[in-house]
Amino acid sequence: HPIAAGFLRRVEGGYAQLDTLTSNKLFGSQLRHEGINLVVNELIEESKRLKLHGIIALTKDEGVISRSKHFDFIEIPEQRLIVKKLI
């Protein structure tokens, strides 16, 4: 049974976005945590193989922000984002 999965979406400007990290609820939290770490590490390595300029991720989840610092991501609190609300 899979423990964790994630996706690397290529976006404009030579960057990628980490997207939809998920883990299997049938496993304990420690094993899911390690599975997510392995997925993120592999997605970082794939980005390097693709010679991308960097990786972005959008979140307000403090757990995700904390985990990202383990992988040397930096937080940019003053981000500019444009959004079209549909509802």
C-alpha atoms as a PDB file:
ATOM      1  CA  HIS A   1       0.000   0.000   0.000  1.00  0.00           C
ATOM      2  CA  PRO A   2       1.299   3.475  -0.818  1.00  0.00           C
ATOM      3  CA  ILE A   3       2.215   5.604   2.183  1.00  0.00           C
ATOM      4  CA  ALA A   4       2.479   9.056   0.585  1.00  0.00           C
ATOM      5  CA  ALA A   5       2.241  10.838  -2.742  1.00  0.00           C
ATOM      6  CA  GLY A   6       2.857  14.283  -4.152  1.00  0.00           C
ATOM      7  CA  PHE A   7       3.045  16.036  -7.462  1.00  0.00           C
ATOM      8  CA  LEU A   8       5.441  18.418  -9.153  1.00  0.00           C
ATOM      9  CA  ARG A   9       3.687  20.874 -11.438  1.00  0.00           C
ATOM     10  CA  ARG A  10       5.846  22.793 -13.867  1.00  0.00           C
ATOM     11  CA  VAL A  11       4.883  26.461 -13.996  1.00  0.00           C
ATOM     12  CA  GLU A  12       6.143  29.404 -16.023  1.00  0.00           C
ATOM     13  CA  GLY A  13       9.548  30.961 -15.546  1.00  0.00           C
ATOM     14  CA  GLY A  14      11.443  27.688 -15.132  1.00  0.00           C
ATOM     15  CA  TYR A  15       9.873  26.906 -11.745  1.00  0.00           C
ATOM     16  CA  ALA A  16       7.857  24.052 -10.343  1.00  0.00           C
ATOM     17  CA  GLN A  17       5.150  23.959  -7.714  1.00  0.00           C
ATOM     18  CA  LEU A  18       4.845  21.242  -5.080  1.00  0.00           C
ATOM     19  CA  ASP A  19       1.230  20.258  -5.198  1.00  0.00           C
ATOM     20  CA  THR A  20      -1.200  17.953  -3.425  1.00  0.00           C
ATOM     21  CA  LEU A  21       0.967  16.200  -0.855  1.00  0.00           C
ATOM     22  CA  THR A  22      -1.101  13.427   0.696  1.00  0.00           C
ATOM     23  CA  SER A  23      -0.612  10.398   2.912  1.00  0.00           C
ATOM     24  CA  ASN A  24      -2.475   7.165   3.546  1.00  0.00           C
ATOM     25  CA  LYS A  25      -4.585   7.385   6.727  1.00  0.00           C
ATOM     26  CA  LEU A  26      -4.145   3.622   7.257  1.00  0.00           C
ATOM     27  CA  PHE A  27      -0.570   4.247   8.476  1.00  0.00           C
ATOM     28  CA  GLY A  28       0.533   5.914  11.699  1.00  0.00           C
ATOM     29  CA  SER A  29       1.484   9.579  11.802  1.00  0.00           C
ATOM     30  CA  GLN A  30       5.248   8.946  12.101  1.00  0.00           C
ATOM     31  CA  LEU A  31       5.318   6.660   9.067  1.00  0.00           C
ATOM     32  CA  ARG A  32       3.187   9.122   7.069  1.00  0.00           C
ATOM     33  CA  HIS A  33       5.515  11.965   8.114  1.00  0.00           C
ATOM     34  CA  GLU A  34       8.549  10.027   6.887  1.00  0.00           C
ATOM     35  CA  GLY A  35       6.727   9.081   3.680  1.00  0.00           C
ATOM     36  CA  ILE A  36       5.929  12.723   2.915  1.00  0.00           C
ATOM     37  CA  ASN A  37       9.579  13.638   3.586  1.00  0.00           C
ATOM     38  CA  LEU A  38      10.732  10.979   1.096  1.00  0.00           C
ATOM     39  CA  VAL A  39       8.258  12.238  -1.520  1.00  0.00           C
ATOM     40  CA  VAL A  40       9.330  15.874  -1.078  1.00  0.00           C
ATOM     41  CA  ASN A  41      13.001  14.905  -1.272  1.00  0.00           C
ATOM     42  CA  GLU A  42      12.406  12.987  -4.516  1.00  0.00           C
ATOM     43  CA  LEU A  43      10.436  15.891  -6.017  1.00  0.00           C
ATOM     44  CA  ILE A  44      13.310  18.247  -5.158  1.00  0.00           C
ATOM     45  CA  GLU A  45      15.777  15.881  -6.832  1.00  0.00           C
ATOM     46  CA  GLU A  46      13.521  15.608  -9.907  1.00  0.00           C
ATOM     47  CA  SER A  47      13.431  19.414 -10.103  1.00  0.00           C
ATOM     48  CA  LYS A  48      17.231  19.446 -10.115  1.00  0.00           C
ATOM     49  CA  ARG A  49      17.353  16.784 -12.855  1.00  0.00           C
ATOM     50  CA  LEU A  50      14.971  18.934 -14.902  1.00  0.00           C
ATOM     51  CA  LYS A  51      17.298  21.923 -14.323  1.00  0.00           C
ATOM     52  CA  LEU A  52      14.472  24.064 -12.956  1.00  0.00           C
ATOM     53  CA  HIS A  53      15.247  27.405 -11.296  1.00  0.00           C
ATOM     54  CA  GLY A  54      13.314  26.717  -8.118  1.00  0.00           C
ATOM     55  CA  ILE A  55      10.248  25.327  -6.418  1.00  0.00           C
ATOM     56  CA  ILE A  56       7.288  27.187  -4.974  1.00  0.00           C
ATOM     57  CA  ALA A  57       4.504  26.019  -2.683  1.00  0.00           C
ATOM     58  CA  LEU A  58       1.414  27.874  -1.515  1.00  0.00           C
ATOM     59  CA  THR A  59       0.077  27.173   1.973  1.00  0.00           C
ATOM     60  CA  LYS A  60      -1.147  28.713   5.186  1.00  0.00           C
ATOM     61  CA  ASP A  61      -0.711  25.433   7.099  1.00  0.00           C
ATOM     62  CA  GLU A  62       1.858  25.958   9.866  1.00  0.00           C
ATOM     63  CA  GLY A  63       2.834  22.271   9.797  1.00  0.00           C
ATOM     64  CA  VAL A  64       3.678  22.469   6.096  1.00  0.00           C
ATOM     65  CA  ILE A  65       5.618  25.702   6.632  1.00  0.00           C
ATOM     66  CA  SER A  66       7.586  24.093   9.464  1.00  0.00           C
ATOM     67  CA  ARG A  67       8.340  21.002   7.366  1.00  0.00           C
ATOM     68  CA  SER A  68       9.446  23.144   4.409  1.00  0.00           C
ATOM     69  CA  LYS A  69      12.198  24.749   6.489  1.00  0.00           C
ATOM     70  CA  HIS A  70      13.692  21.263   6.967  1.00  0.00           C
ATOM     71  CA  PHE A  71      14.190  21.265   3.178  1.00  0.00           C
ATOM     72  CA  ASP A  72      15.652  24.814   3.135  1.00  0.00           C
ATOM     73  CA  PHE A  73      12.590  26.526   1.692  1.00  0.00           C
ATOM     74  CA  ILE A  74      12.249  30.173   2.700  1.00  0.00           C
ATOM     75  CA  GLU A  75       9.009  31.865   3.589  1.00  0.00           C
ATOM     76  CA  ILE A  76       8.098  35.075   1.780  1.00  0.00           C
ATOM     77  CA  PRO A  77       5.316  36.647   3.845  1.00  0.00           C
ATOM     78  CA  GLU A  78       4.897  39.685   1.560  1.00  0.00           C
ATOM     79  CA  GLN A  79       3.927  37.636  -1.485  1.00  0.00           C
ATOM     80  CA  ARG A  80       1.884  39.228  -4.229  1.00  0.00           C
ATOM     81  CA  LEU A  81      -0.841  36.985  -5.476  1.00  0.00           C
ATOM     82  CA  ILE A  82      -3.687  37.659  -7.870  1.00  0.00           C
ATOM     83  CA  VAL A  83      -6.872  35.641  -7.524  1.00  0.00           C
ATOM     84  CA  LYS A  84     -10.161  35.534  -9.385  1.00  0.00           C
ATOM     85  CA  LYS A  85     -12.963  34.474  -7.082  1.00  0.00           C
ATOM     86  CA  LEU A  86     -15.590  32.405  -8.860  1.00  0.00           C
ATOM     87  CA  ILE A  87     -18.037  31.977  -5.987  1.00  0.00           C
END
